[in-house]
Amino acid sequence: MRRKLFLTINIIVILSFTFYFGFKAYKIKRIKSETAKSIKYLPALNQFFNDSIILNTKDKPVIVYYFSPKCEHCQFMAKEKKTLK
């Protein structure tokens, strides 16, 4: 009787973990595919610089930084970014 109960509990625990982690993996995969679909539809950016250089971002990944001139943290990050060059 104890052996049968132990076996039943083990099966329930194993199935619970399998369903839990299977659902988590499915959810992560679904989120990644939705993100990939939405990234396809990002518009291309054409950045014009003062020295007649045009940067087209159609086929390249881009990071856009937004700095507020009134924000102390943004001013610090802008100065730090400038010194890294």
N, C-alpha and C. Protein backbone atom coordinates (compact mmCIF):
# COMPACT_ATOMS: atom_id res chain seq x y z
N MET A 1 0.82 -1.19 0.00
CA MET A 1 0.00 0.00 0.00
C MET A 1 0.87 1.26 0.00
N ARG A 2 1.89 1.28 0.85
CA ARG A 2 2.78 2.44 0.92
C ARG A 2 3.55 2.61 -0.39
N ARG A 3 3.96 1.52 -0.95
CA ARG A 3 4.71 1.57 -2.20
C ARG A 3 3.84 2.16 -3.31
N LYS A 4 2.60 1.75 -3.38
CA LYS A 4 1.68 2.25 -4.39
C LYS A 4 1.43 3.75 -4.19
N LEU A 5 1.27 4.18 -2.95
CA LEU A 5 1.07 5.60 -2.64
C LEU A 5 2.32 6.40 -3.01
N PHE A 6 3.49 5.89 -2.67
CA PHE A 6 4.75 6.56 -3.00
C PHE A 6 4.89 6.70 -4.52
N LEU A 7 4.60 5.67 -5.26
CA LEU A 7 4.68 5.68 -6.72
C LEU A 7 3.70 6.69 -7.31
N THR A 8 2.49 6.73 -6.80
CA THR A 8 1.47 7.66 -7.28
C THR A 8 1.88 9.11 -7.03
N ILE A 9 2.40 9.38 -5.85
CA ILE A 9 2.85 10.74 -5.53
C ILE A 9 4.01 11.14 -6.42
N ASN A 10 4.96 10.23 -6.66
CA ASN A 10 6.08 10.53 -7.54
C ASN A 10 5.62 10.84 -8.96
N ILE A 11 4.68 10.07 -9.45
CA ILE A 11 4.16 10.31 -10.80
C ILE A 11 3.48 11.66 -10.88
N ILE A 12 2.69 12.00 -9.87
CA ILE A 12 2.01 13.30 -9.84
C ILE A 12 3.02 14.44 -9.81
N VAL A 13 4.06 14.31 -9.00
CA VAL A 13 5.08 15.35 -8.90
C VAL A 13 5.82 15.50 -10.22
N ILE A 14 6.21 14.40 -10.83
CA ILE A 14 6.94 14.45 -12.11
C ILE A 14 6.06 15.08 -13.19
N LEU A 15 4.81 14.69 -13.27
CA LEU A 15 3.91 15.28 -14.27
C LEU A 15 3.68 16.77 -14.02
N SER A 16 3.59 17.14 -12.76
CA SER A 16 3.40 18.56 -12.43
C SER A 16 4.59 19.39 -12.89
N PHE A 17 5.80 18.92 -12.60
CA PHE A 17 6.99 19.63 -13.05
C PHE A 17 7.06 19.67 -14.58
N THR A 18 6.72 18.57 -15.22
CA THR A 18 6.76 18.52 -16.68
C THR A 18 5.80 19.54 -17.28
N PHE A 19 4.57 19.58 -16.79
CA PHE A 19 3.60 20.54 -17.31
C PHE A 19 4.01 21.98 -17.00
N TYR A 20 4.51 22.22 -15.80
CA TYR A 20 4.90 23.57 -15.41
C TYR A 20 6.02 24.09 -16.30
N PHE A 21 7.11 23.32 -16.41
CA PHE A 21 8.24 23.78 -17.21
C PHE A 21 7.94 23.75 -18.71
N GLY A 22 7.09 22.85 -19.13
CA GLY A 22 6.67 22.84 -20.53
C GLY A 22 5.89 24.09 -20.88
N PHE A 23 4.99 24.50 -20.00
CA PHE A 23 4.22 25.72 -20.23
C PHE A 23 5.12 26.94 -20.22
N LYS A 24 6.09 26.98 -19.29
CA LYS A 24 7.03 28.10 -19.23
C LYS A 24 7.82 28.20 -20.53
N ALA A 25 8.31 27.06 -21.04
CA ALA A 25 9.08 27.05 -22.28
C ALA A 25 8.21 27.51 -23.45
N TYR A 26 6.97 27.06 -23.49
CA TYR A 26 6.04 27.47 -24.55
C TYR A 26 5.80 28.97 -24.49
N LYS A 27 5.61 29.49 -23.31
CA LYS A 27 5.34 30.92 -23.13
C LYS A 27 6.54 31.76 -23.58
N ILE A 28 7.74 31.34 -23.21
CA ILE A 28 8.95 32.06 -23.62
C ILE A 28 9.11 32.03 -25.13
N LYS A 29 8.87 30.87 -25.73
CA LYS A 29 9.00 30.75 -27.19
C LYS A 29 7.97 31.63 -27.89
N ARG A 30 6.76 31.69 -27.37
CA ARG A 30 5.70 32.51 -27.97
C ARG A 30 6.05 33.99 -27.87
N ILE A 31 6.57 34.42 -26.73
CA ILE A 31 6.95 35.82 -26.55
C ILE A 31 8.08 36.19 -27.50
N LYS A 32 9.06 35.30 -27.65
CA LYS A 32 10.18 35.58 -28.56
C LYS A 32 9.70 35.69 -30.00
N SER A 33 8.79 34.82 -30.41
CA SER A 33 8.30 34.89 -31.79
C SER A 33 7.47 36.15 -32.01
N GLU A 34 6.66 36.56 -31.04
CA GLU A 34 5.90 37.79 -31.17
C GLU A 34 6.82 39.01 -31.24
N THR A 35 7.89 39.00 -30.45
CA THR A 35 8.85 40.10 -30.47
C THR A 35 9.55 40.16 -31.82
N ALA A 36 9.95 39.00 -32.34
CA ALA A 36 10.62 38.95 -33.64
C ALA A 36 9.70 39.48 -34.74
N LYS A 37 8.41 39.16 -34.67
CA LYS A 37 7.46 39.66 -35.67
C LYS A 37 7.32 41.18 -35.59
N SER A 38 7.25 41.71 -34.38
CA SER A 38 7.08 43.15 -34.24
C SER A 38 8.33 43.91 -34.63
N ILE A 39 9.51 43.32 -34.46
CA ILE A 39 10.76 43.98 -34.84
C ILE A 39 10.84 44.12 -36.36
N LYS A 40 10.26 43.18 -37.09
CA LYS A 40 10.28 43.26 -38.56
C LYS A 40 9.63 44.53 -39.06
N TYR A 41 8.69 45.06 -38.30
CA TYR A 41 7.92 46.20 -38.77
C TYR A 41 8.41 47.54 -38.23
N LEU A 42 9.60 47.57 -37.64
CA LEU A 42 10.15 48.84 -37.19
C LEU A 42 10.56 49.66 -38.41
N PRO A 43 10.28 50.94 -38.42
CA PRO A 43 10.64 51.75 -39.59
C PRO A 43 12.14 51.99 -39.67
N ALA A 44 12.61 52.21 -40.87
CA ALA A 44 14.02 52.54 -41.07
C ALA A 44 14.24 53.99 -40.65
N LEU A 45 15.36 54.25 -40.03
CA LEU A 45 15.71 55.61 -39.62
C LEU A 45 16.81 56.13 -40.52
N ASN A 46 16.66 57.33 -40.99
CA ASN A 46 17.73 58.01 -41.72
C ASN A 46 18.21 59.15 -40.85
N GLN A 47 19.43 59.04 -40.36
CA GLN A 47 19.99 60.05 -39.49
C GLN A 47 20.94 60.92 -40.30
N PHE A 48 20.68 62.21 -40.31
CA PHE A 48 21.52 63.16 -41.04
C PHE A 48 22.42 63.87 -40.05
N PHE A 49 23.73 63.85 -40.32
CA PHE A 49 24.71 64.51 -39.47
C PHE A 49 25.17 65.81 -40.11
N ASN A 50 25.83 66.66 -39.33
CA ASN A 50 26.27 67.97 -39.83
C ASN A 50 27.31 67.86 -40.94
N ASP A 51 28.12 66.82 -40.94
CA ASP A 51 29.18 66.70 -41.94
C ASP A 51 28.75 65.88 -43.15
N SER A 52 27.49 65.98 -43.53
CA SER A 52 26.92 65.36 -44.74
C SER A 52 26.98 63.83 -44.73
N ILE A 53 26.98 63.23 -43.58
CA ILE A 53 26.95 61.77 -43.48
C ILE A 53 25.51 61.36 -43.20
N ILE A 54 25.02 60.38 -43.93
CA ILE A 54 23.66 59.87 -43.72
C ILE A 54 23.79 58.43 -43.21
N LEU A 55 23.19 58.16 -42.09
CA LEU A 55 23.21 56.83 -41.51
C LEU A 55 21.85 56.19 -41.74
N ASN A 56 21.81 55.13 -42.54
CA ASN A 56 20.57 54.41 -42.81
C ASN A 56 20.56 53.16 -41.94
N THR A 57 19.48 52.95 -41.21
CA THR A 57 19.42 51.84 -40.25
C THR A 57 18.46 50.74 -40.70
N LYS A 58 18.25 50.64 -42.00
CA LYS A 58 17.26 49.66 -42.48
C LYS A 58 17.67 48.22 -42.15
N ASP A 59 18.93 47.87 -42.35
CA ASP A 59 19.37 46.49 -42.16
C ASP A 59 20.28 46.30 -40.96
N LYS A 60 20.38 47.31 -40.10
CA LYS A 60 21.28 47.22 -38.96
C LYS A 60 20.51 47.46 -37.67
N PRO A 61 20.86 46.75 -36.59
CA PRO A 61 20.23 47.05 -35.30
C PRO A 61 20.74 48.39 -34.76
N VAL A 62 19.87 49.11 -34.09
CA VAL A 62 20.20 50.46 -33.63
C VAL A 62 19.76 50.63 -32.19
N ILE A 63 20.56 51.34 -31.43
CA ILE A 63 20.19 51.74 -30.07
C ILE A 63 20.03 53.26 -30.08
N VAL A 64 18.88 53.73 -29.65
CA VAL A 64 18.61 55.16 -29.61
C VAL A 64 18.62 55.60 -28.15
N TYR A 65 19.46 56.58 -27.85
CA TYR A 65 19.51 57.14 -26.51
C TYR A 65 18.73 58.45 -26.50
N TYR A 66 17.93 58.64 -25.48
CA TYR A 66 17.23 59.90 -25.31
C TYR A 66 17.79 60.60 -24.09
N PHE A 67 18.30 61.81 -24.29
CA PHE A 67 18.84 62.59 -23.20
C PHE A 67 18.02 63.86 -23.04
N SER A 68 17.56 64.09 -21.83
CA SER A 68 16.87 65.33 -21.53
C SER A 68 17.90 66.33 -21.01
N PRO A 69 17.99 67.51 -21.60
CA PRO A 69 19.01 68.47 -21.17
C PRO A 69 18.81 68.98 -19.74
N LYS A 70 17.61 68.83 -19.20
CA LYS A 70 17.34 69.31 -17.84
C LYS A 70 17.59 68.26 -16.76
N CYS A 71 17.74 67.00 -17.16
CA CYS A 71 17.89 65.90 -16.21
C CYS A 71 19.36 65.75 -15.80
N GLU A 72 19.63 65.75 -14.50
CA GLU A 72 21.00 65.62 -14.01
C GLU A 72 21.60 64.27 -14.38
N HIS A 73 20.81 63.22 -14.25
CA HIS A 73 21.30 61.88 -14.60
C HIS A 73 21.65 61.81 -16.09
N CYS A 74 20.79 62.37 -16.93
CA CYS A 74 21.04 62.36 -18.38
C CYS A 74 22.30 63.16 -18.72
N GLN A 75 22.51 64.28 -18.05
CA GLN A 75 23.71 65.08 -18.29
C GLN A 75 24.96 64.29 -17.92
N PHE A 76 24.91 63.60 -16.79
CA PHE A 76 26.04 62.77 -16.36
C PHE A 76 26.32 61.66 -17.37
N MET A 77 25.27 60.99 -17.84
CA MET A 77 25.45 59.89 -18.81
C MET A 77 25.97 60.41 -20.14
N ALA A 78 25.53 61.60 -20.55
CA ALA A 78 26.02 62.19 -21.80
C ALA A 78 27.51 62.52 -21.69
N LYS A 79 27.92 63.06 -20.54
CA LYS A 79 29.35 63.35 -20.35
C LYS A 79 30.16 62.06 -20.33
N GLU A 80 29.63 61.03 -19.67
CA GLU A 80 30.33 59.74 -19.62
C GLU A 80 30.45 59.12 -20.99
N LYS A 81 29.38 59.19 -21.79
CA LYS A 81 29.39 58.65 -23.15
C LYS A 81 30.39 59.40 -24.00
N LYS A 82 30.50 60.70 -23.80
CA LYS A 82 31.43 61.52 -24.58
C LYS A 82 32.88 61.15 -24.28
N THR A 83 33.19 60.82 -23.01
CA THR A 83 34.55 60.46 -22.64
C THR A 83 34.93 59.06 -23.11
N LEU A 84 33.95 58.20 -23.42
CA LEU A 84 34.26 56.85 -23.88
C LEU A 84 34.78 56.82 -25.30
N LYS A 85 34.47 57.84 -26.08
CA LYS A 85 34.92 57.88 -27.48
C LYS A 85 36.37 58.08 -27.55
